[in-house]
């Protein structure tokens, strides 16, 4: 008669494996959370890198935008615009900007103030220009009142408002 040997894993072994899995999952979650928080802080404020003579601000910012252009709600073209300027990717009506922007180095080193030396702003007017949101196209007239909202509140700067990471913008054209 043959003898069959059974291998039996003890309960202690299962407990050890379970503890290790929980520890590894905790470490993975901590690392993931840390990276997420680092990226959020860098996106919102930008990261400044200086050498002896120049300071650069690296930015990676996004904003949602919706439209009511004389009753029409256009969708921005996807994958439109230069990657080193205002552009879109695959998400619907989601503005993107990621690049290095030169700072006024003397002012930054003296006061910590981040004054851009960038030939363009990230203004709502730039959104209109880049995406050709001409009032004539949507309202059949140039005689329109333009309202800019951020998080459902009017923006005092209007078209000159420079959008920031996490903004929820709305651009409204109303015939006069």
Protein backbone atom coordinates (compact mmCIF):
# COMPACT_ATOMS: atom_id res chain seq x y z
CA UNK A 1 0.00 0.00 0.00
CA UNK A 2 1.22 3.49 -0.95
CA UNK A 3 1.52 6.23 1.56
CA UNK A 4 0.29 9.64 0.46
CA UNK A 5 1.89 12.60 2.11
CA UNK A 6 -0.23 15.70 2.53
CA UNK A 7 1.37 19.06 2.80
CA UNK A 8 -0.46 21.19 5.22
CA UNK A 9 0.11 24.91 5.56
CA UNK A 10 -0.32 25.98 9.08
CA UNK A 11 -2.63 28.76 10.21
CA UNK A 12 0.46 30.71 11.33
CA UNK A 13 1.72 30.79 7.74
CA UNK A 14 -1.60 32.17 6.48
CA UNK A 15 -1.59 34.86 9.17
CA UNK A 16 1.99 35.89 8.30
CA UNK A 17 1.11 36.14 4.61
CA UNK A 18 -2.00 38.20 5.38
CA UNK A 19 -0.02 40.58 7.61
CA UNK A 20 2.61 41.05 4.89
CA UNK A 21 -0.06 41.76 2.28
CA UNK A 22 -1.67 44.37 4.54
CA UNK A 23 1.73 45.99 5.22
CA UNK A 24 2.63 46.07 1.50
CA UNK A 25 -0.80 47.47 0.59
CA UNK A 26 -0.36 50.17 3.25
CA UNK A 27 3.07 51.12 1.93
CA UNK A 28 1.78 51.26 -1.65
CA UNK A 29 -1.13 53.47 -0.60
CA UNK A 30 1.18 55.81 1.36
CA UNK A 31 3.54 56.18 -1.60
CA UNK A 32 0.62 56.78 -3.99
CA UNK A 33 -0.92 59.37 -1.65
CA UNK A 34 2.43 61.14 -1.21
CA UNK A 35 2.97 61.40 -4.97
CA UNK A 36 -0.60 62.64 -5.46
CA UNK A 37 -0.16 65.37 -2.82
CA UNK A 38 3.22 66.40 -4.24
CA UNK A 39 1.72 66.71 -7.73
CA UNK A 40 -1.25 68.71 -6.44
CA UNK A 41 1.02 71.17 -4.63
CA UNK A 42 3.29 71.51 -7.66
CA UNK A 43 0.38 72.05 -10.01
CA UNK A 44 -1.35 74.68 -7.93
CA UNK A 45 1.70 76.72 -6.95
CA UNK A 46 4.28 75.64 -9.48
CA UNK A 47 7.81 74.62 -8.63
CA UNK A 48 10.57 77.22 -8.84
CA UNK A 49 14.04 76.21 -9.96
CA UNK A 50 16.81 78.82 -9.86
CA UNK A 51 20.43 78.90 -10.89
CA UNK A 52 22.81 81.80 -10.30
CA UNK A 53 21.15 84.05 -12.87
CA UNK A 54 17.65 82.77 -13.73
CA UNK A 55 14.55 81.37 -12.05
CA UNK A 56 11.99 79.23 -13.82
CA UNK A 57 8.52 78.32 -12.64
CA UNK A 58 7.32 74.92 -13.82
CA UNK A 59 3.56 74.76 -14.14
CA UNK A 60 1.05 72.02 -14.91
CA UNK A 61 -2.43 73.43 -14.54
CA UNK A 62 -5.93 72.56 -15.71
CA UNK A 63 -9.34 74.22 -15.69
CA UNK A 64 -12.81 73.19 -16.78
CA UNK A 65 -14.67 75.60 -19.03
CA UNK A 66 -18.23 75.60 -20.31
CA UNK A 67 -19.99 77.94 -22.69
CA UNK A 68 -23.29 79.66 -23.24
CA UNK A 69 -22.59 81.59 -26.42
CA UNK A 70 -25.93 83.10 -27.34
CA UNK A 71 -27.62 79.84 -26.39
CA UNK A 72 -25.00 77.57 -27.98
CA UNK A 73 -22.70 75.28 -25.99
CA UNK A 74 -19.72 74.49 -28.21
CA UNK A 75 -17.17 71.84 -27.39
CA UNK A 76 -13.51 72.79 -27.69
CA UNK A 77 -11.55 70.76 -30.22
CA UNK A 78 -9.58 67.96 -28.61
CA UNK A 79 -5.78 67.74 -28.95
CA UNK A 80 -5.67 71.39 -30.07
CA UNK A 81 -2.92 73.93 -29.43
CA UNK A 82 0.81 73.86 -28.87
CA UNK A 83 1.97 71.77 -25.90
CA UNK A 84 4.03 74.69 -24.56
CA UNK A 85 0.99 76.98 -24.51
CA UNK A 86 -2.74 76.79 -23.81
CA UNK A 87 -4.07 73.53 -25.29
CA UNK A 88 -6.55 70.69 -24.89
CA UNK A 89 -6.18 66.92 -24.71
CA UNK A 90 -8.84 64.22 -24.85
CA UNK A 91 -11.08 65.56 -22.08
CA UNK A 92 -14.10 67.66 -23.09
CA UNK A 93 -13.68 71.41 -22.47
CA UNK A 94 -10.68 70.97 -20.20
CA UNK A 95 -7.94 73.59 -20.54
CA UNK A 96 -4.30 72.55 -20.09
CA UNK A 97 -1.03 74.37 -19.64
CA UNK A 98 2.32 72.85 -18.76
CA UNK A 99 5.61 74.52 -19.35
CA UNK A 100 8.46 76.38 -17.70
CA UNK A 101 7.89 80.10 -17.35
CA UNK A 102 10.71 82.54 -16.70
CA UNK A 103 10.31 84.62 -13.55
CA UNK A 104 11.52 88.07 -12.66
CA UNK A 105 14.53 86.52 -10.93
CA UNK A 106 15.55 89.60 -8.92
CA UNK A 107 12.04 90.05 -7.54
CA UNK A 108 11.69 86.35 -6.74
CA UNK A 109 15.04 86.17 -4.95
CA UNK A 110 14.30 89.36 -3.02
CA UNK A 111 10.64 88.88 -2.08
CA UNK A 112 9.61 85.38 -3.17
CA UNK A 113 6.97 86.91 -5.46
CA UNK A 114 6.42 84.90 -8.67
CA UNK A 115 6.17 87.53 -11.42
CA UNK A 116 6.03 85.82 -14.81
CA UNK A 117 8.20 86.89 -17.71
CA UNK A 118 5.86 85.20 -20.19
CA UNK A 119 4.72 86.83 -23.41
CA UNK A 120 1.18 85.51 -23.03
CA UNK A 121 -1.20 85.31 -20.12
CA UNK A 122 -3.50 82.41 -19.44
CA UNK A 123 -6.43 84.75 -19.77
CA UNK A 124 -9.96 83.98 -20.83
CA UNK A 125 -9.27 86.30 -23.78
CA UNK A 126 -6.49 83.91 -24.84
CA UNK A 127 -9.00 81.03 -24.70
CA UNK A 128 -11.26 83.00 -27.05
CA UNK A 129 -8.35 83.74 -29.39
CA UNK A 130 -6.81 80.24 -29.44
CA UNK A 131 -10.14 78.50 -30.02
CA UNK A 132 -11.64 81.18 -32.34
CA UNK A 133 -14.73 81.76 -30.19
CA UNK A 134 -15.80 84.79 -32.23
CA UNK A 135 -19.12 86.33 -31.10
CA UNK A 136 -20.15 86.78 -34.75
CA UNK A 137 -20.02 83.00 -35.23
CA UNK A 138 -22.36 82.27 -32.34
CA UNK A 139 -24.49 85.42 -32.04
CA UNK A 140 -24.46 86.77 -35.65
CA UNK A 141 -23.27 90.09 -34.21
CA UNK A 142 -20.22 91.54 -32.51
CA UNK A 143 -22.49 93.54 -30.23
CA UNK A 144 -22.45 91.18 -27.23
CA UNK A 145 -22.07 91.43 -23.51
CA UNK A 146 -19.44 88.97 -22.29
CA UNK A 147 -19.60 87.51 -18.80
CA UNK A 148 -16.96 85.32 -17.20
CA UNK A 149 -17.82 83.17 -14.19
CA UNK A 150 -15.51 81.12 -12.01
CA UNK A 151 -17.16 78.62 -9.69
CA UNK A 152 -20.48 80.28 -10.64
CA UNK A 153 -19.32 83.73 -9.42
CA UNK A 154 -18.63 86.73 -11.68
CA UNK A 155 -14.96 87.46 -12.26
CA UNK A 156 -14.09 91.15 -11.85
CA UNK A 157 -11.18 90.95 -14.33
CA UNK A 158 -13.53 89.66 -17.08
CA UNK A 159 -11.63 88.52 -20.15
CA UNK A 160 -8.30 89.44 -18.55
CA UNK A 161 -8.81 86.87 -15.78
CA UNK A 162 -5.88 84.44 -15.72
CA UNK A 163 -7.31 81.00 -15.10
CA UNK A 164 -5.74 78.83 -12.41
CA UNK A 165 -5.53 75.17 -11.60
CA UNK A 166 -8.91 73.77 -10.63
CA UNK A 167 -11.01 76.66 -11.92
CA UNK A 168 -14.53 75.94 -13.17
CA UNK A 169 -15.07 78.65 -15.75
CA UNK A 170 -18.10 79.65 -17.74
CA UNK A 171 -18.02 82.05 -20.68
CA UNK A 172 -21.34 83.68 -21.58
CA UNK A 173 -22.17 85.77 -24.67
CA UNK A 174 -25.45 87.69 -24.57
CA UNK A 175 -26.67 89.86 -27.46
CA UNK A 176 -26.96 93.53 -26.52
